[in-house]
Amino acid sequence: MTPSELTAFLAELEAFGILNDQRESDRSKKMLNLERETAQLVGILIRATRARNILEIGTSNGFGTIWLAVAAGPGGRVTTIDRNPLKVEMAKENLRRAGLLDSVDLRLGDASQVVSELGGPFDLVLFDADRYSAPEQLQLLISKLTPSALVLADNALSHPEEIAGYLRAIAALPEFEHTVVPVGKGLSIACRG
C-alpha cells in the first residue's frame, strides 16, 4: 500500500469507527478507536524513541494498531490484545489490507492473562482497553519493559473515575516520570529512565 493509499484507508477506518460508535448503543460493539490526534502523537513518540517492540492492550478493529505498526517501521513488531473475537477478525482483515499483518502478533483473550504469558521486553506499551484492569497489567509488565520504556494510556481525561486507579499506579512508580497530555481524550505518558 502506498503512503497515500494508507492515508485514505486510515481515513476510511476512522470514519467507520466514528459512525459505528454514534449508531451503536452496545459498548462491546463500539470500535472506541484512538482519536486521530492521539494516534499521530503516539506515532511521533514511537519514531522519536525508535521503539520497535510495542504492546497494545485493546486492538478493536486495528485502527490504532496500524498507526503503531507504521510508526515502528521495518523490523518493528506490535503485539496487540483484544478479548472480542469479532474485533480481532476485523483487525486481522484491516491489517492484511494495509500490508502490515506480518508485523503484528494478534492475541485473543483476557489482557491480564495474555500479559502474564508474554516475554517482552517492550519499548512501548499503550493501554487502550478496560481501564479497571490496567493497574494489574501494569504490575505484570514492569519487569518486561526496556530500561527507557514509554508507557501510555488513552482516555486519561475522558474517563477520570475509570482510569484513576491506573493513574495512581503509574504515579507511584518512582522510576517513571509521568504527565497527562490534553490530546484527544487525554493521553497519559510515562517514561522510565
N, C-alpha and C. Protein backbone atom coordinates (compact mmCIF):
# COMPACT_ATOMS: atom_id res chain seq x y z
N MET A 1 0.85 -1.18 0.00
CA MET A 1 0.00 0.00 0.00
C MET A 1 0.89 1.24 0.00
N THR A 2 0.64 2.16 -0.91
CA THR A 2 1.41 3.40 -0.97
C THR A 2 1.03 4.28 0.22
N PRO A 3 1.88 5.28 0.56
CA PRO A 3 1.53 6.18 1.65
C PRO A 3 0.18 6.87 1.46
N SER A 4 -0.15 7.28 0.24
CA SER A 4 -1.44 7.95 0.02
C SER A 4 -2.59 6.96 0.16
N GLU A 5 -2.39 5.72 -0.27
CA GLU A 5 -3.42 4.69 -0.10
C GLU A 5 -3.63 4.39 1.38
N LEU A 6 -2.53 4.33 2.13
CA LEU A 6 -2.63 4.09 3.57
C LEU A 6 -3.37 5.22 4.27
N THR A 7 -3.07 6.45 3.90
CA THR A 7 -3.78 7.61 4.46
C THR A 7 -5.27 7.52 4.19
N ALA A 8 -5.63 7.15 2.97
CA ALA A 8 -7.04 7.02 2.61
C ALA A 8 -7.69 5.87 3.38
N PHE A 9 -6.97 4.78 3.55
CA PHE A 9 -7.51 3.63 4.28
C PHE A 9 -7.73 3.97 5.75
N LEU A 10 -6.78 4.68 6.36
CA LEU A 10 -6.93 5.10 7.75
C LEU A 10 -8.13 6.05 7.90
N ALA A 11 -8.31 6.94 6.94
CA ALA A 11 -9.47 7.85 6.97
C ALA A 11 -10.77 7.05 6.87
N GLU A 12 -10.77 6.02 6.05
CA GLU A 12 -11.95 5.14 5.92
C GLU A 12 -12.25 4.44 7.24
N LEU A 13 -11.21 3.89 7.89
CA LEU A 13 -11.39 3.21 9.17
C LEU A 13 -11.84 4.19 10.26
N GLU A 14 -11.27 5.38 10.24
CA GLU A 14 -11.65 6.40 11.22
C GLU A 14 -13.13 6.76 11.07
N ALA A 15 -13.56 7.00 9.83
CA ALA A 15 -14.96 7.37 9.57
C ALA A 15 -15.89 6.23 9.97
N PHE A 16 -15.49 4.99 9.65
CA PHE A 16 -16.31 3.83 10.04
C PHE A 16 -16.46 3.77 11.56
N GLY A 17 -15.35 3.95 12.29
CA GLY A 17 -15.39 3.88 13.74
C GLY A 17 -16.29 4.95 14.34
N ILE A 18 -16.18 6.16 13.85
CA ILE A 18 -16.99 7.27 14.37
C ILE A 18 -18.47 7.00 14.11
N LEU A 19 -18.80 6.63 12.86
CA LEU A 19 -20.20 6.37 12.51
C LEU A 19 -20.75 5.19 13.31
N ASN A 20 -19.98 4.12 13.40
CA ASN A 20 -20.40 2.94 14.16
C ASN A 20 -20.68 3.30 15.62
N ASP A 21 -19.79 4.08 16.23
CA ASP A 21 -19.94 4.40 17.65
C ASP A 21 -21.11 5.35 17.91
N GLN A 22 -21.47 6.16 16.90
CA GLN A 22 -22.63 7.03 17.04
C GLN A 22 -23.92 6.23 16.98
N ARG A 23 -23.94 5.19 16.17
CA ARG A 23 -25.14 4.37 15.98
C ARG A 23 -25.31 3.30 17.05
N GLU A 24 -24.20 2.79 17.55
CA GLU A 24 -24.21 1.60 18.40
C GLU A 24 -24.39 1.95 19.88
N SER A 25 -25.37 1.34 20.52
CA SER A 25 -25.57 1.59 21.96
C SER A 25 -24.87 0.53 22.81
N ASP A 26 -24.60 -0.65 22.24
CA ASP A 26 -23.92 -1.72 22.95
C ASP A 26 -22.41 -1.44 22.96
N ARG A 27 -21.86 -1.16 24.14
CA ARG A 27 -20.44 -0.79 24.25
C ARG A 27 -19.51 -1.84 23.63
N SER A 28 -19.86 -3.11 23.76
CA SER A 28 -18.99 -4.17 23.23
C SER A 28 -18.92 -4.15 21.70
N LYS A 29 -19.87 -3.48 21.06
CA LYS A 29 -19.87 -3.40 19.60
C LYS A 29 -19.30 -2.09 19.08
N LYS A 30 -18.95 -1.19 20.00
CA LYS A 30 -18.33 0.07 19.58
C LYS A 30 -16.86 -0.18 19.25
N MET A 31 -16.30 0.61 18.34
CA MET A 31 -14.89 0.49 17.98
C MET A 31 -13.99 1.18 19.01
N LEU A 32 -14.45 2.33 19.52
CA LEU A 32 -13.70 3.07 20.54
C LEU A 32 -12.24 3.28 20.13
N ASN A 33 -12.06 3.67 18.88
CA ASN A 33 -10.71 3.88 18.35
C ASN A 33 -10.03 5.10 18.96
N LEU A 34 -8.71 5.11 18.87
CA LEU A 34 -7.95 6.30 19.23
C LEU A 34 -8.43 7.47 18.39
N GLU A 35 -8.42 8.65 18.97
CA GLU A 35 -8.66 9.85 18.17
C GLU A 35 -7.45 10.03 17.24
N ARG A 36 -7.68 10.60 16.08
CA ARG A 36 -6.59 10.77 15.11
C ARG A 36 -5.40 11.52 15.71
N GLU A 37 -5.68 12.59 16.47
CA GLU A 37 -4.59 13.39 17.06
C GLU A 37 -3.77 12.55 18.04
N THR A 38 -4.44 11.69 18.78
CA THR A 38 -3.75 10.81 19.73
C THR A 38 -2.89 9.81 18.97
N ALA A 39 -3.46 9.21 17.93
CA ALA A 39 -2.71 8.25 17.11
C ALA A 39 -1.47 8.91 16.50
N GLN A 40 -1.62 10.15 16.04
CA GLN A 40 -0.47 10.86 15.48
C GLN A 40 0.60 11.10 16.53
N LEU A 41 0.20 11.52 17.74
CA LEU A 41 1.17 11.76 18.80
C LEU A 41 1.88 10.47 19.20
N VAL A 42 1.13 9.39 19.32
CA VAL A 42 1.74 8.10 19.66
C VAL A 42 2.74 7.70 18.57
N GLY A 43 2.37 7.91 17.32
CA GLY A 43 3.29 7.62 16.22
C GLY A 43 4.57 8.44 16.31
N ILE A 44 4.45 9.70 16.65
CA ILE A 44 5.63 10.56 16.81
C ILE A 44 6.51 10.05 17.95
N LEU A 45 5.88 9.68 19.07
CA LEU A 45 6.65 9.15 20.21
C LEU A 45 7.38 7.87 19.84
N ILE A 46 6.73 7.01 19.07
CA ILE A 46 7.38 5.76 18.63
C ILE A 46 8.59 6.06 17.76
N ARG A 47 8.41 6.97 16.81
CA ARG A 47 9.53 7.32 15.92
C ARG A 47 10.66 8.00 16.69
N ALA A 48 10.31 8.91 17.58
CA ALA A 48 11.32 9.67 18.33
C ALA A 48 12.15 8.78 19.25
N THR A 49 11.51 7.76 19.81
CA THR A 49 12.23 6.87 20.74
C THR A 49 12.75 5.62 20.05
N ARG A 50 12.45 5.49 18.76
CA ARG A 50 12.83 4.31 17.98
C ARG A 50 12.33 3.02 18.62
N ALA A 51 11.13 3.09 19.16
CA ALA A 51 10.51 1.90 19.76
C ALA A 51 10.26 0.87 18.66
N ARG A 52 10.66 -0.36 18.92
CA ARG A 52 10.49 -1.42 17.92
C ARG A 52 9.61 -2.56 18.42
N ASN A 53 9.60 -2.79 19.72
CA ASN A 53 8.77 -3.87 20.27
C ASN A 53 7.67 -3.22 21.10
N ILE A 54 6.46 -3.24 20.56
CA ILE A 54 5.35 -2.46 21.10
C ILE A 54 4.23 -3.40 21.54
N LEU A 55 3.61 -3.07 22.66
CA LEU A 55 2.45 -3.81 23.14
C LEU A 55 1.25 -2.88 23.19
N GLU A 56 0.17 -3.31 22.57
CA GLU A 56 -1.09 -2.57 22.59
C GLU A 56 -2.13 -3.42 23.29
N ILE A 57 -2.75 -2.87 24.32
CA ILE A 57 -3.82 -3.58 25.03
C ILE A 57 -5.12 -2.91 24.62
N GLY A 58 -5.87 -3.60 23.75
CA GLY A 58 -7.10 -3.06 23.18
C GLY A 58 -6.94 -2.86 21.68
N THR A 59 -7.17 -3.91 20.91
CA THR A 59 -6.96 -3.88 19.46
C THR A 59 -8.10 -3.20 18.72
N SER A 60 -9.33 -3.52 19.11
CA SER A 60 -10.53 -3.12 18.40
C SER A 60 -10.42 -3.59 16.95
N ASN A 61 -10.70 -2.71 15.99
CA ASN A 61 -10.66 -3.10 14.58
C ASN A 61 -9.30 -2.86 13.94
N GLY A 62 -8.30 -2.52 14.74
CA GLY A 62 -6.94 -2.38 14.22
C GLY A 62 -6.55 -0.98 13.77
N PHE A 63 -7.44 0.00 13.94
CA PHE A 63 -7.11 1.37 13.52
C PHE A 63 -5.82 1.85 14.21
N GLY A 64 -5.80 1.78 15.53
CA GLY A 64 -4.60 2.21 16.27
C GLY A 64 -3.41 1.31 16.00
N THR A 65 -3.67 0.02 15.83
CA THR A 65 -2.60 -0.96 15.58
C THR A 65 -1.85 -0.59 14.30
N ILE A 66 -2.58 -0.17 13.30
CA ILE A 66 -1.94 0.24 12.04
C ILE A 66 -1.03 1.43 12.27
N TRP A 67 -1.49 2.42 13.03
CA TRP A 67 -0.63 3.57 13.35
C TRP A 67 0.64 3.11 14.05
N LEU A 68 0.51 2.20 15.01
CA LEU A 68 1.66 1.71 15.76
C LEU A 68 2.64 0.97 14.85
N ALA A 69 2.12 0.08 14.02
CA ALA A 69 2.98 -0.72 13.15
C ALA A 69 3.70 0.14 12.12
N VAL A 70 3.01 1.11 11.57
CA VAL A 70 3.65 2.01 10.60
C VAL A 70 4.77 2.80 11.27
N ALA A 71 4.50 3.33 12.47
CA ALA A 71 5.50 4.12 13.18
C ALA A 71 6.70 3.28 13.59
N ALA A 72 6.48 2.02 13.95
CA ALA A 72 7.58 1.14 14.35
C ALA A 72 8.50 0.84 13.17
N GLY A 73 7.95 0.88 11.97
CA GLY A 73 8.75 0.73 10.77
C GLY A 73 9.23 -0.69 10.53
N PRO A 74 10.05 -0.86 9.48
CA PRO A 74 10.58 -2.19 9.16
C PRO A 74 11.36 -2.75 10.35
N GLY A 75 11.10 -4.01 10.64
CA GLY A 75 11.76 -4.64 11.78
C GLY A 75 11.03 -4.43 13.09
N GLY A 76 10.03 -3.55 13.09
CA GLY A 76 9.23 -3.33 14.29
C GLY A 76 8.21 -4.44 14.46
N ARG A 77 7.75 -4.62 15.69
CA ARG A 77 6.78 -5.66 15.99
C ARG A 77 5.76 -5.13 16.98
N VAL A 78 4.48 -5.29 16.66
CA VAL A 78 3.41 -4.91 17.56
C VAL A 78 2.70 -6.17 18.03
N THR A 79 2.61 -6.33 19.33
CA THR A 79 1.77 -7.38 19.92
C THR A 79 0.52 -6.67 20.41
N THR A 80 -0.64 -7.15 20.01
CA THR A 80 -1.88 -6.48 20.38
C THR A 80 -2.88 -7.50 20.90
N ILE A 81 -3.63 -7.09 21.92
CA ILE A 81 -4.53 -8.00 22.64
C ILE A 81 -5.96 -7.43 22.63
N ASP A 82 -6.91 -8.31 22.34
CA ASP A 82 -8.32 -7.95 22.48
C ASP A 82 -9.09 -9.21 22.86
N ARG A 83 -10.13 -9.03 23.66
CA ARG A 83 -10.92 -10.19 24.12
C ARG A 83 -12.12 -10.47 23.23
N ASN A 84 -12.37 -9.60 22.25
CA ASN A 84 -13.54 -9.75 21.39
C ASN A 84 -13.12 -10.42 20.08
N PRO A 85 -13.57 -11.68 19.84
CA PRO A 85 -13.14 -12.38 18.63
C PRO A 85 -13.56 -11.71 17.33
N LEU A 86 -14.71 -11.04 17.33
CA LEU A 86 -15.14 -10.36 16.10
C LEU A 86 -14.23 -9.18 15.78
N LYS A 87 -13.82 -8.45 16.82
CA LYS A 87 -12.91 -7.33 16.59
C LYS A 87 -11.53 -7.81 16.16
N VAL A 88 -11.07 -8.92 16.73
CA VAL A 88 -9.77 -9.48 16.32
C VAL A 88 -9.82 -9.87 14.84
N GLU A 89 -10.92 -10.45 14.39
CA GLU A 89 -11.06 -10.81 12.97
C GLU A 89 -11.08 -9.55 12.09
N MET A 90 -11.79 -8.51 12.54
CA MET A 90 -11.81 -7.25 11.79
C MET A 90 -10.40 -6.68 11.70
N ALA A 91 -9.69 -6.68 12.83
CA ALA A 91 -8.33 -6.15 12.86
C ALA A 91 -7.43 -6.94 11.92
N LYS A 92 -7.57 -8.24 11.93
CA LYS A 92 -6.75 -9.09 11.05
C LYS A 92 -6.96 -8.72 9.59
N GLU A 93 -8.21 -8.54 9.21
CA GLU A 93 -8.51 -8.18 7.83
C GLU A 93 -7.98 -6.78 7.50
N ASN A 94 -8.15 -5.83 8.41
CA ASN A 94 -7.66 -4.47 8.16
C ASN A 94 -6.14 -4.42 8.10
N LEU A 95 -5.47 -5.18 8.95
CA LEU A 95 -4.00 -5.25 8.90
C LEU A 95 -3.53 -5.92 7.61
N ARG A 96 -4.25 -6.93 7.17
CA ARG A 96 -3.93 -7.58 5.89
C ARG A 96 -4.06 -6.58 4.75
N ARG A 97 -5.17 -5.85 4.74
CA ARG A 97 -5.39 -4.85 3.68
C ARG A 97 -4.30 -3.79 3.69
N ALA A 98 -3.82 -3.42 4.88
CA ALA A 98 -2.78 -2.40 5.00
C ALA A 98 -1.39 -2.96 4.72
N GLY A 99 -1.28 -4.28 4.54
CA GLY A 99 0.02 -4.90 4.29
C GLY A 99 0.90 -4.99 5.53
N LEU A 100 0.27 -5.01 6.71
CA LEU A 100 1.03 -4.99 7.95
C LEU A 100 0.82 -6.23 8.82
N LEU A 101 0.10 -7.20 8.34
CA LEU A 101 -0.23 -8.37 9.15
C LEU A 101 1.02 -9.10 9.64
N ASP A 102 2.07 -9.13 8.83
CA ASP A 102 3.31 -9.81 9.22
C ASP A 102 4.07 -9.09 10.32
N SER A 103 3.73 -7.82 10.58
CA SER A 103 4.41 -7.04 11.61
C SER A 103 3.67 -7.06 12.94
N VAL A 104 2.54 -7.77 12.98
CA VAL A 104 1.66 -7.72 14.16
C VAL A 104 1.37 -9.13 14.66
N ASP A 105 1.46 -9.29 15.98
CA ASP A 105 1.08 -10.53 16.66
C ASP A 105 -0.26 -10.26 17.34
N LEU A 106 -1.35 -10.74 16.72
CA LEU A 106 -2.71 -10.55 17.25
C LEU A 106 -3.00 -11.62 18.28
N ARG A 107 -3.38 -11.19 19.48
CA ARG A 107 -3.71 -12.13 20.55
C ARG A 107 -5.16 -11.95 20.97
N LEU A 108 -5.88 -13.05 21.03
CA LEU A 108 -7.26 -13.05 21.50
C LEU A 108 -7.27 -13.57 22.92
N GLY A 109 -7.88 -12.81 23.84
CA GLY A 109 -8.01 -13.30 25.20
C GLY A 109 -8.08 -12.18 26.21
N ASP A 110 -8.17 -12.58 27.48
CA ASP A 110 -8.16 -11.65 28.58
C ASP A 110 -6.78 -11.01 28.67
N ALA A 111 -6.73 -9.69 28.70
CA ALA A 111 -5.45 -8.98 28.64
C ALA A 111 -4.54 -9.35 29.80
N SER A 112 -5.06 -9.43 31.01
CA SER A 112 -4.21 -9.77 32.16
C SER A 112 -3.58 -11.15 31.99
N GLN A 113 -4.36 -12.09 31.51
CA GLN A 113 -3.83 -13.45 31.30
C GLN A 113 -2.77 -13.45 30.20
N VAL A 114 -3.06 -12.79 29.08
CA VAL A 114 -2.11 -12.76 27.97
C VAL A 114 -0.84 -12.04 28.39
N VAL A 115 -0.97 -10.90 29.08
CA VAL A 115 0.20 -10.15 29.52
C VAL A 115 1.09 -11.00 30.42
N SER A 116 0.48 -11.80 31.29
CA SER A 116 1.28 -12.64 32.19
C SER A 116 2.09 -13.68 31.43
N GLU A 117 1.65 -14.02 30.22
CA GLU A 117 2.33 -15.04 29.41
C GLU A 117 3.37 -14.45 28.45
N LEU A 118 3.35 -13.14 28.23
CA LEU A 118 4.26 -12.51 27.29
C LEU A 118 5.67 -12.40 27.87
N GLY A 119 6.66 -12.44 26.99
CA GLY A 119 8.03 -12.35 27.45
C GLY A 119 8.61 -10.95 27.41
N GLY A 120 8.25 -10.16 26.40
CA GLY A 120 8.87 -8.85 26.27
C GLY A 120 10.29 -9.00 25.73
N PRO A 121 11.17 -8.06 25.92
CA PRO A 121 10.90 -6.76 26.55
C PRO A 121 10.21 -5.81 25.57
N PHE A 122 9.42 -4.89 26.13
CA PHE A 122 8.69 -3.93 25.33
C PHE A 122 9.28 -2.54 25.48
N ASP A 123 9.40 -1.85 24.33
CA ASP A 123 9.89 -0.48 24.31
C ASP A 123 8.76 0.51 24.61
N LEU A 124 7.55 0.10 24.29
CA LEU A 124 6.39 0.99 24.45
C LEU A 124 5.15 0.15 24.68
N VAL A 125 4.33 0.57 25.63
CA VAL A 125 3.05 -0.07 25.90
C VAL A 125 1.96 0.99 25.79
N LEU A 126 0.86 0.63 25.13
CA LEU A 126 -0.30 1.51 25.04
C LEU A 126 -1.50 0.78 25.64
N PHE A 127 -2.01 1.33 26.73
CA PHE A 127 -3.23 0.83 27.34
C PHE A 127 -4.41 1.55 26.69
N ASP A 128 -5.28 0.79 26.02
CA ASP A 128 -6.45 1.38 25.38
C ASP A 128 -7.62 0.39 25.43
N ALA A 129 -7.85 -0.15 26.61
CA ALA A 129 -8.94 -1.11 26.79
C ALA A 129 -9.58 -0.88 28.15
N ASP A 130 -9.88 -1.95 28.84
CA ASP A 130 -10.51 -1.87 30.16
C ASP A 130 -9.58 -1.15 31.14
N ARG A 131 -10.01 -0.01 31.60
CA ARG A 131 -9.17 0.81 32.47
C ARG A 131 -9.08 0.27 33.89
N TYR A 132 -10.08 -0.51 34.30
CA TYR A 132 -10.08 -1.04 35.67
C TYR A 132 -8.99 -2.10 35.87
N SER A 133 -8.70 -2.89 34.83
CA SER A 133 -7.68 -3.93 34.96
C SER A 133 -6.28 -3.43 34.60
N ALA A 134 -6.16 -2.20 34.12
CA ALA A 134 -4.85 -1.68 33.71
C ALA A 134 -3.82 -1.65 34.84
N PRO A 135 -4.17 -1.30 36.10
CA PRO A 135 -3.15 -1.33 37.15
C PRO A 135 -2.53 -2.72 37.35
N GLU A 136 -3.36 -3.76 37.27
CA GLU A 136 -2.85 -5.13 37.40
C GLU A 136 -1.92 -5.46 36.24
N GLN A 137 -2.33 -5.08 35.03
CA GLN A 137 -1.50 -5.34 33.86
C GLN A 137 -0.18 -4.57 33.93
N LEU A 138 -0.24 -3.34 34.43
CA LEU A 138 0.98 -2.55 34.60
C LEU A 138 1.96 -3.28 35.51
N GLN A 139 1.49 -3.80 36.63
CA GLN A 139 2.37 -4.52 37.55
C GLN A 139 2.97 -5.75 36.88
N LEU A 140 2.19 -6.45 36.09
CA LEU A 140 2.70 -7.62 35.37
C LEU A 140 3.76 -7.24 34.34
N LEU A 141 3.69 -6.02 33.83
CA LEU A 141 4.58 -5.60 32.75
C LEU A 141 5.89 -4.96 33.22
N ILE A 142 5.95 -4.47 34.42
CA ILE A 142 7.13 -3.70 34.87
C ILE A 142 8.44 -4.42 34.55
N SER A 143 8.51 -5.70 34.85
CA SER A 143 9.75 -6.45 34.61
C SER A 143 9.96 -6.79 33.14
N LYS A 144 8.97 -6.48 32.30
CA LYS A 144 9.04 -6.83 30.88
C LYS A 144 9.27 -5.59 30.00
N LEU A 145 9.67 -4.49 30.64
CA LEU A 145 9.89 -3.24 29.91
C LEU A 145 11.38 -2.97 29.75
N THR A 146 11.75 -2.35 28.65
CA THR A 146 13.14 -1.95 28.46
C THR A 146 13.46 -0.80 29.43
N PRO A 147 14.74 -0.54 29.68
CA PRO A 147 15.11 0.49 30.66
C PRO A 147 14.53 1.88 30.39
N SER A 148 14.32 2.24 29.13
CA SER A 148 13.79 3.57 28.82
C SER A 148 12.40 3.50 28.21
N ALA A 149 11.62 2.51 28.61
CA ALA A 149 10.30 2.28 28.02
C ALA A 149 9.34 3.44 28.25
N LEU A 150 8.45 3.62 27.28
CA LEU A 150 7.32 4.54 27.41
C LEU A 150 6.08 3.73 27.72
N VAL A 151 5.26 4.21 28.65
CA VAL A 151 4.00 3.56 28.99
C VAL A 151 2.90 4.60 28.81
N LEU A 152 1.98 4.33 27.90
CA LEU A 152 0.93 5.27 27.53
C LEU A 152 -0.44 4.70 27.87
N ALA A 153 -1.37 5.58 28.17
CA ALA A 153 -2.76 5.15 28.40
C ALA A 153 -3.70 6.21 27.84
N ASP A 154 -4.64 5.76 27.02
CA ASP A 154 -5.63 6.67 26.44
C ASP A 154 -6.77 6.88 27.44
N ASN A 155 -7.60 7.87 27.18
CA ASN A 155 -8.79 8.19 27.97
C ASN A 155 -8.46 8.72 29.36
N ALA A 156 -7.30 9.35 29.50
CA ALA A 156 -6.88 9.85 30.81
C ALA A 156 -7.73 11.02 31.29
N LEU A 157 -8.38 11.73 30.37
CA LEU A 157 -9.23 12.85 30.75
C LEU A 157 -10.71 12.55 30.54
N SER A 158 -11.04 11.69 29.60
CA SER A 158 -12.45 11.44 29.28
C SER A 158 -13.14 10.50 30.27
N HIS A 159 -12.38 9.68 30.97
CA HIS A 159 -12.94 8.71 31.90
C HIS A 159 -12.19 8.77 33.23
N PRO A 160 -12.23 9.91 33.93
CA PRO A 160 -11.40 10.10 35.11
C PRO A 160 -11.63 9.08 36.23
N GLU A 161 -12.87 8.68 36.46
CA GLU A 161 -13.13 7.70 37.53
C GLU A 161 -12.58 6.33 37.17
N GLU A 162 -12.77 5.94 35.91
CA GLU A 162 -12.34 4.61 35.48
C GLU A 162 -10.83 4.48 35.45
N ILE A 163 -10.12 5.54 35.10
CA ILE A 163 -8.67 5.45 34.93
C ILE A 163 -7.90 5.89 36.18
N ALA A 164 -8.61 6.33 37.20
CA ALA A 164 -7.95 6.85 38.42
C ALA A 164 -6.99 5.84 39.04
N GLY A 165 -7.38 4.57 39.11
CA GLY A 165 -6.51 3.54 39.68
C GLY A 165 -5.22 3.38 38.91
N TYR A 166 -5.33 3.42 37.57
CA TYR A 166 -4.13 3.33 36.74
C TYR A 166 -3.22 4.54 36.96
N LEU A 167 -3.81 5.73 36.97
CA LEU A 167 -3.00 6.95 37.14
C LEU A 167 -2.30 6.95 38.50
N ARG A 168 -2.97 6.46 39.54
CA ARG A 168 -2.32 6.33 40.85
C ARG A 168 -1.17 5.32 40.79
N ALA A 169 -1.41 4.21 40.09
CA ALA A 169 -0.39 3.15 40.00
C ALA A 169 0.86 3.63 39.26
N ILE A 170 0.67 4.35 38.16
CA ILE A 170 1.84 4.82 37.39
C ILE A 170 2.56 5.93 38.15
N ALA A 171 1.82 6.79 38.85
CA ALA A 171 2.42 7.88 39.62
C ALA A 171 3.20 7.34 40.81
N ALA A 172 2.85 6.16 41.29
CA ALA A 172 3.52 5.57 42.46
C ALA A 172 4.84 4.90 42.10
N LEU A 173 5.16 4.80 40.82
CA LEU A 173 6.41 4.17 40.40
C LEU A 173 7.50 5.23 40.34
N PRO A 174 8.44 5.24 41.30
CA PRO A 174 9.41 6.33 41.38
C PRO A 174 10.36 6.42 40.18
N GLU A 175 10.53 5.33 39.46
CA GLU A 175 11.46 5.36 38.33
C GLU A 175 10.84 5.95 37.06
N PHE A 176 9.54 6.29 37.12
CA PHE A 176 8.85 6.84 35.95
C PHE A 176 8.54 8.32 36.15
N GLU A 177 8.75 9.11 35.10
CA GLU A 177 8.22 10.47 35.03
C GLU A 177 6.89 10.36 34.31
N HIS A 178 5.89 11.14 34.76
CA HIS A 178 4.54 10.97 34.23
C HIS A 178 3.86 12.32 34.02
N THR A 179 3.10 12.40 32.94
CA THR A 179 2.26 13.57 32.69
C THR A 179 1.05 13.13 31.88
N VAL A 180 0.01 13.96 31.88
CA VAL A 180 -1.16 13.73 31.04
C VAL A 180 -1.24 14.87 30.05
N VAL A 181 -1.32 14.52 28.78
CA VAL A 181 -1.36 15.49 27.70
C VAL A 181 -2.80 15.63 27.21
N PRO A 182 -3.33 16.85 27.12
CA PRO A 182 -4.72 17.05 26.69
C PRO A 182 -4.88 16.95 25.18
N VAL A 183 -4.64 15.77 24.65
CA VAL A 183 -4.83 15.49 23.23
C VAL A 183 -5.89 14.40 23.14
N GLY A 184 -6.80 14.52 22.17
CA GLY A 184 -7.85 13.53 22.05
C GLY A 184 -8.66 13.44 23.33
N LYS A 185 -8.73 12.26 23.89
CA LYS A 185 -9.46 12.03 25.14
C LYS A 185 -8.52 12.05 26.35
N GLY A 186 -7.31 12.53 26.13
CA GLY A 186 -6.31 12.61 27.19
C GLY A 186 -5.37 11.43 27.12
N LEU A 187 -4.07 11.70 26.98
CA LEU A 187 -3.07 10.65 26.87
C LEU A 187 -2.12 10.74 28.05
N SER A 188 -2.09 9.69 28.85
CA SER A 188 -1.12 9.57 29.94
C SER A 188 0.18 9.08 29.34
N ILE A 189 1.26 9.79 29.63
CA ILE A 189 2.59 9.43 29.12
C ILE A 189 3.53 9.27 30.29
N ALA A 190 4.15 8.11 30.39
CA ALA A 190 5.13 7.87 31.44
C ALA A 190 6.39 7.29 30.79
N CYS A 191 7.54 7.76 31.27
CA CYS A 191 8.82 7.32 30.73
C CYS A 191 9.73 6.89 31.87
N ARG A 192 10.32 5.73 31.72
CA ARG A 192 11.28 5.27 32.72
C ARG A 192 12.68 5.69 32.29
N GLY A 193 13.46 6.13 33.24
CA GLY A 193 14.84 6.48 32.90
C GLY A 193 15.17 7.92 33.20
